[in-house]
Structure formats: C-alpha cells, structure tokens
PDB file of all heavy atoms in Angstrom:
ATOM      1  N   LEU A   1       0.838  -1.147   0.002  1.00  0.00           N
ATOM      2  CA  LEU A   1       0.028   0.018  -0.007  1.00  0.00           C
ATOM      3  C   LEU A   1       0.868   1.225  -0.039  1.00  0.00           C
ATOM      4  O   LEU A   1       1.981   1.291   0.681  1.00  0.00           O
ATOM      5  CB  LEU A   1      -0.917   0.019   1.192  1.00  0.00           C
ATOM      6  CG  LEU A   1      -1.800  -1.246   1.472  1.00  0.00           C
ATOM      7  CD1 LEU A   1      -2.695  -0.900   2.655  1.00  0.00           C
ATOM      8  CD2 LEU A   1      -2.593  -1.543   0.129  1.00  0.00           C
ATOM      9  N   SER A   2       0.473   2.312  -0.674  1.00  0.00           N
ATOM     10  CA  SER A   2       1.139   3.483  -0.781  1.00  0.00           C
ATOM     11  C   SER A   2       0.180   4.649  -0.306  1.00  0.00           C
ATOM     12  O   SER A   2      -1.022   4.574  -0.521  1.00  0.00           O
ATOM     13  CB  SER A   2       1.652   3.809  -2.173  1.00  0.00           C
ATOM     14  OG  SER A   2       2.584   2.904  -2.605  1.00  0.00           O
ATOM     15  N   CYS A   3       0.825   5.646   0.219  1.00  0.00           N
ATOM     16  CA  CYS A   3       0.000   6.867   0.727  1.00  0.00           C
ATOM     17  C   CYS A   3       0.952   7.997   0.532  1.00  0.00           C
ATOM     18  O   CYS A   3       1.850   8.237   1.169  1.00  0.00           O
ATOM     19  CB  CYS A   3      -0.258   6.667   2.246  1.00  0.00           C
ATOM     20  SG  CYS A   3      -1.154   8.129   2.967  1.00  0.00           S
ATOM     21  N   ALA A   4       0.470   8.783  -0.440  1.00  0.00           N
ATOM     22  CA  ALA A   4       1.282   9.987  -0.935  1.00  0.00           C
ATOM     23  C   ALA A   4       0.653  11.249  -0.465  1.00  0.00           C
ATOM     24  O   ALA A   4      -0.573  11.510  -0.705  1.00  0.00           O
ATOM     25  CB  ALA A   4       1.452   9.904  -2.463  1.00  0.00           C
ATOM     26  N   ALA A   5       1.416  12.103   0.165  1.00  0.00           N
ATOM     27  CA  ALA A   5       0.926  13.422   0.498  1.00  0.00           C
ATOM     28  C   ALA A   5       1.076  14.436  -0.582  1.00  0.00           C
ATOM     29  O   ALA A   5       2.199  14.426  -1.153  1.00  0.00           O
ATOM     30  CB  ALA A   5       1.631  13.929   1.790  1.00  0.00           C
ATOM     31  N   SER A   6       0.085  15.165  -0.801  1.00  0.00           N
ATOM     32  CA  SER A   6       0.190  16.195  -1.935  1.00  0.00           C
ATOM     33  C   SER A   6       0.908  17.416  -1.500  1.00  0.00           C
ATOM     34  O   SER A   6       1.106  17.636  -0.295  1.00  0.00           O
ATOM     35  CB  SER A   6      -1.310  16.536  -2.422  1.00  0.00           C
ATOM     36  OG  SER A   6      -1.921  17.135  -1.260  1.00  0.00           O
ATOM     37  N   GLY A   7       1.248  18.257  -2.415  1.00  0.00           N
ATOM     38  CA  GLY A   7       1.895  19.449  -2.083  1.00  0.00           C
ATOM     39  C   GLY A   7       3.504  19.335  -2.090  1.00  0.00           C
ATOM     40  O   GLY A   7       4.027  18.280  -2.299  1.00  0.00           O
ATOM     41  N   SER A   8       4.051  20.475  -2.026  1.00  0.00           N
ATOM     42  CA  SER A   8       5.576  20.557  -2.061  1.00  0.00           C
ATOM     43  C   SER A   8       6.035  21.069  -0.672  1.00  0.00           C
ATOM     44  O   SER A   8       5.113  21.621   0.047  1.00  0.00           O
ATOM     45  CB  SER A   8       5.984  21.414  -3.224  1.00  0.00           C
ATOM     46  OG  SER A   8       5.510  22.617  -3.162  1.00  0.00           O
ATOM     47  N   SER A   9       7.218  20.976  -0.431  1.00  0.00           N
ATOM     48  CA  SER A   9       7.820  21.472   0.744  1.00  0.00           C
ATOM     49  C   SER A   9       7.074  20.923   2.007  1.00  0.00           C
ATOM     50  O   SER A   9       6.831  21.730   2.949  1.00  0.00           O
ATOM     51  CB  SER A   9       7.805  23.024   0.761  1.00  0.00           C
ATOM     52  OG  SER A   9       8.526  23.525  -0.348  1.00  0.00           O
ATOM     53  N   LEU A  10       6.803  19.724   1.914  1.00  0.00           N
ATOM     54  CA  LEU A  10       6.185  19.042   3.085  1.00  0.00           C
ATOM     55  C   LEU A  10       7.241  18.291   3.982  1.00  0.00           C
ATOM     56  O   LEU A  10       8.131  17.909   3.478  1.00  0.00           O
ATOM     57  CB  LEU A  10       5.088  18.053   2.563  1.00  0.00           C
ATOM     58  CG  LEU A  10       4.048  18.529   1.626  1.00  0.00           C
ATOM     59  CD1 LEU A  10       3.129  17.484   1.171  1.00  0.00           C
ATOM     60  CD2 LEU A  10       3.245  19.723   2.316  1.00  0.00           C
ATOM     61  N   ARG A  11       6.803  18.206   5.247  1.00  0.00           N
ATOM     62  CA  ARG A  11       7.636  17.390   6.084  1.00  0.00           C
ATOM     63  C   ARG A  11       6.635  16.412   6.828  1.00  0.00           C
ATOM     64  O   ARG A  11       5.695  16.891   7.402  1.00  0.00           O
ATOM     65  CB  ARG A  11       8.275  18.358   7.104  1.00  0.00           C
ATOM     66  CG  ARG A  11       9.229  17.615   7.999  1.00  0.00           C
ATOM     67  CD  ARG A  11      10.308  18.589   8.591  1.00  0.00           C
ATOM     68  NE  ARG A  11       9.748  19.578   9.456  1.00  0.00           N
ATOM     69  CZ  ARG A  11       9.958  19.585  10.807  1.00  0.00           C
ATOM     70  NH1 ARG A  11      10.703  18.608  11.391  1.00  0.00           N
ATOM     71  NH2 ARG A  11       9.399  20.524  11.510  1.00  0.00           N
ATOM     72  N   LEU A  12       6.983  15.210   6.835  1.00  0.00           N
ATOM     73  CA  LEU A  12       6.229  14.105   7.444  1.00  0.00           C
ATOM     74  C   LEU A  12       6.687  13.940   8.911  1.00  0.00           C
ATOM     75  O   LEU A  12       7.872  13.933   9.173  1.00  0.00           O
ATOM     76  CB  LEU A  12       6.359  12.813   6.772  1.00  0.00           C
ATOM     77  CG  LEU A  12       5.868  12.751   5.313  1.00  0.00           C
ATOM     78  CD1 LEU A  12       6.085  11.435   4.699  1.00  0.00           C
ATOM     79  CD2 LEU A  12       4.431  13.199   5.282  1.00  0.00           C
ATOM     80  N   GLY A  13       5.730  13.899   9.800  1.00  0.00           N
ATOM     81  CA  GLY A  13       5.931  13.629  11.064  1.00  0.00           C
ATOM     82  C   GLY A  13       5.668  12.180  11.329  1.00  0.00           C
ATOM     83  O   GLY A  13       6.120  11.290  10.623  1.00  0.00           O
ATOM     84  N   GLY A  14       4.943  11.860  12.411  1.00  0.00           N
ATOM     85  CA  GLY A  14       4.587  10.477  12.592  1.00  0.00           C
ATOM     86  C   GLY A  14       3.601   9.983  11.628  1.00  0.00           C
ATOM     87  O   GLY A  14       2.780  10.740  11.097  1.00  0.00           O
ATOM     88  N   VAL A  15       3.674   8.691  11.246  1.00  0.00           N
ATOM     89  CA  VAL A  15       2.836   8.190  10.208  1.00  0.00           C
ATOM     90  C   VAL A  15       2.278   6.795  10.743  1.00  0.00           C
ATOM     91  O   VAL A  15       2.962   6.185  11.568  1.00  0.00           O
ATOM     92  CB  VAL A  15       3.498   7.987   8.840  1.00  0.00           C
ATOM     93  CG1 VAL A  15       3.977   9.300   8.288  1.00  0.00           C
ATOM     94  CG2 VAL A  15       4.760   7.008   8.959  1.00  0.00           C
ATOM     95  N   ALA A  16       1.202   6.374  10.090  1.00  0.00           N
ATOM     96  CA  ALA A  16       0.588   5.194  10.675  1.00  0.00           C
ATOM     97  C   ALA A  16      -0.341   4.532   9.717  1.00  0.00           C
ATOM     98  O   ALA A  16      -0.850   5.287   8.766  1.00  0.00           O
ATOM     99  CB  ALA A  16      -0.027   5.298  12.013  1.00  0.00           C
ATOM    100  N   TRP A  17      -0.566   3.297   9.746  1.00  0.00           N
ATOM    101  CA  TRP A  17      -1.608   2.580   9.054  1.00  0.00           C
ATOM    102  C   TRP A  17      -2.643   1.996  10.001  1.00  0.00           C
ATOM    103  O   TRP A  17      -2.197   1.395  11.047  1.00  0.00           O
ATOM    104  CB  TRP A  17      -1.040   1.556   8.095  1.00  0.00           C
ATOM    105  CG  TRP A  17      -0.289   2.080   6.932  1.00  0.00           C
ATOM    106  CD1 TRP A  17       1.063   2.255   6.840  1.00  0.00           C
ATOM    107  CD2 TRP A  17      -0.868   2.348   5.740  1.00  0.00           C
ATOM    108  NE1 TRP A  17       1.425   2.771   5.654  1.00  0.00           N
ATOM    109  CE2 TRP A  17       0.226   2.762   4.834  1.00  0.00           C
ATOM    110  CE3 TRP A  17      -2.104   2.419   5.118  1.00  0.00           C
ATOM    111  CZ2 TRP A  17       0.052   3.225   3.537  1.00  0.00           C
ATOM    112  CZ3 TRP A  17      -2.303   2.716   3.840  1.00  0.00           C
ATOM    113  CH2 TRP A  17      -1.232   3.192   3.033  1.00  0.00           C
ATOM    114  N   TYR A  18      -3.891   2.210   9.575  1.00  0.00           N
ATOM    115  CA  TYR A  18      -5.048   1.717  10.369  1.00  0.00           C
ATOM    116  C   TYR A  18      -5.821   0.779   9.504  1.00  0.00           C
ATOM    117  O   TYR A  18      -5.687   0.851   8.210  1.00  0.00           O
ATOM    118  CB  TYR A  18      -5.835   2.707  11.034  1.00  0.00           C
ATOM    119  CG  TYR A  18      -5.189   3.540  12.022  1.00  0.00           C
ATOM    120  CD1 TYR A  18      -4.328   4.572  11.745  1.00  0.00           C
ATOM    121  CD2 TYR A  18      -5.484   3.286  13.400  1.00  0.00           C
ATOM    122  CE1 TYR A  18      -3.733   5.297  12.745  1.00  0.00           C
ATOM    123  CE2 TYR A  18      -4.965   4.024  14.355  1.00  0.00           C
ATOM    124  CZ  TYR A  18      -4.118   5.108  14.072  1.00  0.00           C
ATOM    125  OH  TYR A  18      -3.470   5.894  15.089  1.00  0.00           O
ATOM    126  N   ARG A  19      -6.689  -0.137  10.023  1.00  0.00           N
ATOM    127  CA  ARG A  19      -7.557  -0.837   9.221  1.00  0.00           C
ATOM    128  C   ARG A  19      -8.787  -0.954   9.905  1.00  0.00           C
ATOM    129  O   ARG A  19      -8.917  -0.962  11.162  1.00  0.00           O
ATOM    130  CB  ARG A  19      -6.966  -2.188   8.828  1.00  0.00           C
ATOM    131  CG  ARG A  19      -6.847  -3.224   9.917  1.00  0.00           C
ATOM    132  CD  ARG A  19      -6.167  -4.481   9.460  1.00  0.00           C
ATOM    133  NE  ARG A  19      -6.082  -5.508  10.570  1.00  0.00           N
ATOM    134  CZ  ARG A  19      -5.417  -6.615  10.417  1.00  0.00           C
ATOM    135  NH1 ARG A  19      -4.753  -6.813   9.288  1.00  0.00           N
ATOM    136  NH2 ARG A  19      -5.389  -7.480  11.450  1.00  0.00           N
ATOM    137  N   GLN A  20      -9.879  -1.159   9.159  1.00  0.00           N
ATOM    138  CA  GLN A  20     -11.229  -1.328   9.666  1.00  0.00           C
ATOM    139  C   GLN A  20     -12.024  -2.464   8.912  1.00  0.00           C
ATOM    140  O   GLN A  20     -12.223  -2.155   7.707  1.00  0.00           O
ATOM    141  CB  GLN A  20     -11.958  -0.145   9.849  1.00  0.00           C
ATOM    142  CG  GLN A  20     -13.310  -0.231  10.597  1.00  0.00           C
ATOM    143  CD  GLN A  20     -13.888   1.158  10.884  1.00  0.00           C
ATOM    144  OE1 GLN A  20     -13.570   2.148  10.146  1.00  0.00           O
ATOM    145  NE2 GLN A  20     -14.748   1.300  12.001  1.00  0.00           N
ATOM    146  N   ALA A  21     -12.396  -3.531   9.488  1.00  0.00           N
ATOM    147  CA  ALA A  21     -13.196  -4.511   8.803  1.00  0.00           C
ATOM    148  C   ALA A  21     -14.726  -4.181   9.177  1.00  0.00           C
ATOM    149  O   ALA A  21     -14.985  -3.491  10.074  1.00  0.00           O
ATOM    150  CB  ALA A  21     -12.881  -5.902   9.391  1.00  0.00           C
ATOM    151  N   PRO A  22     -15.515  -4.505   8.259  1.00  0.00           N
ATOM    152  CA  PRO A  22     -17.051  -4.287   8.485  1.00  0.00           C
ATOM    153  C   PRO A  22     -17.464  -4.789   9.776  1.00  0.00           C
ATOM    154  O   PRO A  22     -17.220  -6.000  10.223  1.00  0.00           O
ATOM    155  CB  PRO A  22     -17.729  -5.099   7.373  1.00  0.00           C
ATOM    156  CG  PRO A  22     -16.670  -5.136   6.295  1.00  0.00           C
ATOM    157  CD  PRO A  22     -15.390  -5.307   7.012  1.00  0.00           C
ATOM    158  N   GLY A  23     -18.112  -3.922  10.612  1.00  0.00           N
ATOM    159  CA  GLY A  23     -18.611  -4.244  11.857  1.00  0.00           C
ATOM    160  C   GLY A  23     -17.641  -4.205  13.038  1.00  0.00           C
ATOM    161  O   GLY A  23     -17.899  -4.603  14.209  1.00  0.00           O
ATOM    162  N   LYS A  24     -16.340  -3.969  12.624  1.00  0.00           N
ATOM    163  CA  LYS A  24     -15.271  -3.913  13.642  1.00  0.00           C
ATOM    164  C   LYS A  24     -14.830  -2.491  13.905  1.00  0.00           C
ATOM    165  O   LYS A  24     -15.005  -1.580  12.966  1.00  0.00           O
ATOM    166  CB  LYS A  24     -14.149  -4.824  13.112  1.00  0.00           C
ATOM    167  CG  LYS A  24     -14.525  -6.175  12.857  1.00  0.00           C
ATOM    168  CD  LYS A  24     -14.791  -6.969  14.173  1.00  0.00           C
ATOM    169  CE  LYS A  24     -14.749  -8.435  13.888  1.00  0.00           C
ATOM    170  NZ  LYS A  24     -15.850  -8.893  12.920  1.00  0.00           N
ATOM    171  N   GLU A  25     -14.131  -2.290  14.945  1.00  0.00           N
ATOM    172  CA  GLU A  25     -13.571  -1.004  15.174  1.00  0.00           C
ATOM    173  C   GLU A  25     -12.161  -0.828  14.478  1.00  0.00           C
ATOM    174  O   GLU A  25     -11.565  -1.803  14.116  1.00  0.00           O
ATOM    175  CB  GLU A  25     -13.309  -0.820  16.759  1.00  0.00           C
ATOM    176  CG  GLU A  25     -14.561  -0.733  17.522  1.00  0.00           C
ATOM    177  CD  GLU A  25     -14.231  -0.507  19.031  1.00  0.00           C
ATOM    178  OE1 GLU A  25     -13.106  -0.509  19.430  1.00  0.00           O
ATOM    179  OE2 GLU A  25     -15.154  -0.327  19.764  1.00  0.00           O
ATOM    180  N   ARG A  26     -11.911   0.384  14.203  1.00  0.00           N
ATOM    181  CA  ARG A  26     -10.584   0.656  13.470  1.00  0.00           C
ATOM    182  C   ARG A  26      -9.464   0.283  14.490  1.00  0.00           C
ATOM    183  O   ARG A  26      -9.484   0.618  15.684  1.00  0.00           O
ATOM    184  CB  ARG A  26     -10.512   2.084  13.076  1.00  0.00           C
ATOM    185  CG  ARG A  26      -9.364   2.477  12.318  1.00  0.00           C
ATOM    186  CD  ARG A  26      -9.412   3.886  11.811  1.00  0.00           C
ATOM    187  NE  ARG A  26     -10.556   4.121  10.890  1.00  0.00           N
ATOM    188  CZ  ARG A  26     -10.762   5.189  10.104  1.00  0.00           C
ATOM    189  NH1 ARG A  26      -9.895   6.254  10.374  1.00  0.00           N
ATOM    190  NH2 ARG A  26     -11.838   5.348   9.388  1.00  0.00           N
ATOM    191  N   GLU A  27      -8.454  -0.246  13.879  1.00  0.00           N
ATOM    192  CA  GLU A  27      -7.279  -0.656  14.773  1.00  0.00           C
ATOM    193  C   GLU A  27      -6.021  -0.288  14.056  1.00  0.00           C
ATOM    194  O   GLU A  27      -5.966  -0.221  12.838  1.00  0.00           O
ATOM    195  CB  GLU A  27      -7.226  -2.249  14.962  1.00  0.00           C
ATOM    196  CG  GLU A  27      -7.097  -2.984  13.704  1.00  0.00           C
ATOM    197  CD  GLU A  27      -6.891  -4.458  14.005  1.00  0.00           C
ATOM    198  OE1 GLU A  27      -6.412  -4.986  15.108  1.00  0.00           O
ATOM    199  OE2 GLU A  27      -7.334  -5.332  13.243  1.00  0.00           O
ATOM    200  N   VAL A  28      -5.078   0.020  14.887  1.00  0.00           N
ATOM    201  CA  VAL A  28      -3.715   0.452  14.346  1.00  0.00           C
ATOM    202  C   VAL A  28      -2.979  -0.820  13.846  1.00  0.00           C
ATOM    203  O   VAL A  28      -2.980  -1.898  14.576  1.00  0.00           O
ATOM    204  CB  VAL A  28      -2.900   1.136  15.372  1.00  0.00           C
ATOM    205  CG1 VAL A  28      -2.639   0.309  16.608  1.00  0.00           C
ATOM    206  CG2 VAL A  28      -1.597   1.700  14.862  1.00  0.00           C
ATOM    207  N   VAL A  29      -2.471  -0.759  12.683  1.00  0.00           N
ATOM    208  CA  VAL A  29      -1.560  -1.791  12.061  1.00  0.00           C
ATOM    209  C   VAL A  29      -0.119  -1.539  12.322  1.00  0.00           C
ATOM    210  O   VAL A  29       0.587  -2.530  12.689  1.00  0.00           O
ATOM    211  CB  VAL A  29      -1.922  -1.968  10.629  1.00  0.00           C
ATOM    212  CG1 VAL A  29      -0.995  -3.081  10.027  1.00  0.00           C
ATOM    213  CG2 VAL A  29      -3.373  -2.247  10.427  1.00  0.00           C
ATOM    214  N   ALA A  30       0.378  -0.367  11.975  1.00  0.00           N
ATOM    215  CA  ALA A  30       1.747  -0.083  12.254  1.00  0.00           C
ATOM    216  C   ALA A  30       1.925   1.461  12.331  1.00  0.00           C
ATOM    217  O   ALA A  30       1.048   2.230  11.726  1.00  0.00           O
ATOM    218  CB  ALA A  30       2.516  -0.609  11.024  1.00  0.00           C
ATOM    219  N   SER A  31       2.961   1.862  12.988  1.00  0.00           N
ATOM    220  CA  SER A  31       3.173   3.255  13.121  1.00  0.00           C
ATOM    221  C   SER A  31       4.726   3.543  13.153  1.00  0.00           C
ATOM    222  O   SER A  31       5.470   2.623  13.473  1.00  0.00           O
ATOM    223  CB  SER A  31       2.565   3.870  14.386  1.00  0.00           C
ATOM    224  OG  SER A  31       3.152   3.368  15.536  1.00  0.00           O
ATOM    225  N   MET A  32       4.988   4.758  12.641  1.00  0.00           N
ATOM    226  CA  MET A  32       6.481   5.011  12.556  1.00  0.00           C
ATOM    227  C   MET A  32       6.537   6.540  12.952  1.00  0.00           C
ATOM    228  O   MET A  32       5.879   7.351  12.390  1.00  0.00           O
ATOM    229  CB  MET A  32       7.003   4.812  11.267  1.00  0.00           C
ATOM    230  CG  MET A  32       8.426   5.321  11.159  1.00  0.00           C
ATOM    231  SD  MET A  32       9.177   5.075   9.480  1.00  0.00           S
ATOM    232  CE  MET A  32       9.338   3.392   9.304  1.00  0.00           C
ATOM    233  N   GLY A  33       7.418   6.781  13.964  1.00  0.00           N
ATOM    234  CA  GLY A  33       7.724   8.133  14.264  1.00  0.00           C
ATOM    235  C   GLY A  33       8.531   8.895  13.284  1.00  0.00           C
ATOM    236  O   GLY A  33       9.129   8.381  12.243  1.00  0.00           O
ATOM    237  N   MET A  34       8.798  10.170  13.504  1.00  0.00           N
ATOM    238  CA  MET A  34       9.553  10.890  12.515  1.00  0.00           C
ATOM    239  C   MET A  34      10.969  10.417  12.324  1.00  0.00           C
ATOM    240  O   MET A  34      11.561  10.556  11.265  1.00  0.00           O
ATOM    241  CB  MET A  34       9.601  12.328  13.023  1.00  0.00           C
ATOM    242  CG  MET A  34      10.371  13.366  12.129  1.00  0.00           C
ATOM    243  SD  MET A  34      10.409  15.007  12.743  1.00  0.00           S
ATOM    244  CE  MET A  34       8.729  15.519  12.746  1.00  0.00           C
ATOM    245  N   PHE A  35      11.541   9.882  13.371  1.00  0.00           N
ATOM    246  CA  PHE A  35      12.880   9.476  13.264  1.00  0.00           C
ATOM    247  C   PHE A  35      13.037   7.909  13.107  1.00  0.00           C
ATOM    248  O   PHE A  35      14.165   7.327  13.440  1.00  0.00           O
ATOM    249  CB  PHE A  35      13.782   9.980  14.511  1.00  0.00           C
ATOM    250  CG  PHE A  35      13.730  11.372  14.586  1.00  0.00           C
ATOM    251  CD1 PHE A  35      12.846  12.027  15.455  1.00  0.00           C
ATOM    252  CD2 PHE A  35      14.553  12.211  13.738  1.00  0.00           C
ATOM    253  CE1 PHE A  35      12.862  13.422  15.623  1.00  0.00           C
ATOM    254  CE2 PHE A  35      14.440  13.522  13.776  1.00  0.00           C
ATOM    255  CZ  PHE A  35      13.673  14.317  14.767  1.00  0.00           C
ATOM    256  N   GLY A  36      11.988   7.288  12.706  1.00  0.00           N
ATOM    257  CA  GLY A  36      12.044   5.866  12.376  1.00  0.00           C
ATOM    258  C   GLY A  36      11.675   4.833  13.409  1.00  0.00           C
ATOM    259  O   GLY A  36      11.784   3.668  13.239  1.00  0.00           O
ATOM    260  N   ASN A  37      11.282   5.313  14.552  1.00  0.00           N
ATOM    261  CA  ASN A  37      10.847   4.423  15.628  1.00  0.00           C
ATOM    262  C   ASN A  37       9.552   3.743  15.155  1.00  0.00           C
ATOM    263  O   ASN A  37       8.563   4.441  14.873  1.00  0.00           O
ATOM    264  CB  ASN A  37      10.733   5.016  17.027  1.00  0.00           C
ATOM    265  CG  ASN A  37       9.815   6.343  16.842  1.00  0.00           C
ATOM    266  OD1 ASN A  37      10.313   7.282  16.180  1.00  0.00           O
ATOM    267  ND2 ASN A  37       8.839   6.358  17.680  1.00  0.00           N
ATOM    268  N   VAL A  38       9.428   2.414  15.218  1.00  0.00           N
ATOM    269  CA  VAL A  38       8.317   1.650  14.639  1.00  0.00           C
ATOM    270  C   VAL A  38       7.698   0.915  15.715  1.00  0.00           C
ATOM    271  O   VAL A  38       8.285   0.225  16.511  1.00  0.00           O
ATOM    272  CB  VAL A  38       8.832   0.776  13.509  1.00  0.00           C
ATOM    273  CG1 VAL A  38       7.691  -0.108  12.964  1.00  0.00           C
ATOM    274  CG2 VAL A  38       9.413   1.592  12.411  1.00  0.00           C
ATOM    275  N   ASN A  39       6.352   0.758  15.659  1.00  0.00           N
ATOM    276  CA  ASN A  39       5.501  -0.063  16.487  1.00  0.00           C
ATOM    277  C   ASN A  39       4.478  -0.854  15.517  1.00  0.00           C
ATOM    278  O   ASN A  39       3.930  -0.194  14.622  1.00  0.00           O
ATOM    279  CB  ASN A  39       4.784   0.713  17.495  1.00  0.00           C
ATOM    280  CG  ASN A  39       5.679   1.156  18.580  1.00  0.00           C
ATOM    281  OD1 ASN A  39       6.146   0.343  19.431  1.00  0.00           O
ATOM    282  ND2 ASN A  39       5.997   2.505  18.572  1.00  0.00           N
ATOM    283  N   TYR A  40       4.305  -2.022  15.738  1.00  0.00           N
ATOM    284  CA  TYR A  40       3.365  -2.826  15.015  1.00  0.00           C
ATOM    285  C   TYR A  40       2.241  -3.427  15.875  1.00  0.00           C
ATOM    286  O   TYR A  40       2.528  -3.777  17.134  1.00  0.00           O
ATOM    287  CB  TYR A  40       4.077  -4.024  14.290  1.00  0.00           C
ATOM    288  CG  TYR A  40       4.920  -3.569  13.212  1.00  0.00           C
ATOM    289  CD1 TYR A  40       6.358  -3.576  13.485  1.00  0.00           C
ATOM    290  CD2 TYR A  40       4.512  -3.250  12.016  1.00  0.00           C
ATOM    291  CE1 TYR A  40       7.160  -3.147  12.464  1.00  0.00           C
ATOM    292  CE2 TYR A  40       5.364  -2.988  10.906  1.00  0.00           C
ATOM    293  CZ  TYR A  40       6.770  -2.880  11.145  1.00  0.00           C
ATOM    294  OH  TYR A  40       7.557  -2.497  10.218  1.00  0.00           O
ATOM    295  N   GLY A  41       1.013  -3.539  15.371  1.00  0.00           N
ATOM    296  CA  GLY A  41       0.032  -4.232  16.079  1.00  0.00           C
ATOM    297  C   GLY A  41       0.456  -5.736  15.998  1.00  0.00           C
ATOM    298  O   GLY A  41       1.121  -6.196  15.325  1.00  0.00           O
TER     299      GLY A  41
END
C-alpha cells in the first residue's frame, strides 16, 4: 500500500496505518515516528 501526501515542501511527522473491517472497530496496524521508531500491532 502507498500513501502519498500532496503538495511541495512538506515534512512528514509520525505516520501510521490503520484498518477497519465491516462491523469492527478501527485498529492500528503499524506506526512510525519521525525518526524511524516503529511499532506494530
């Protein structure tokens, strides 16, 4: 999966992926801080 931010001169901070199945609550799949620290569900 890809997620591209529009615009120029952008700076990304923390990023994350979530998912939601029908009838289920949204849950975090993975996250990454600005400096590369990663957490996974």
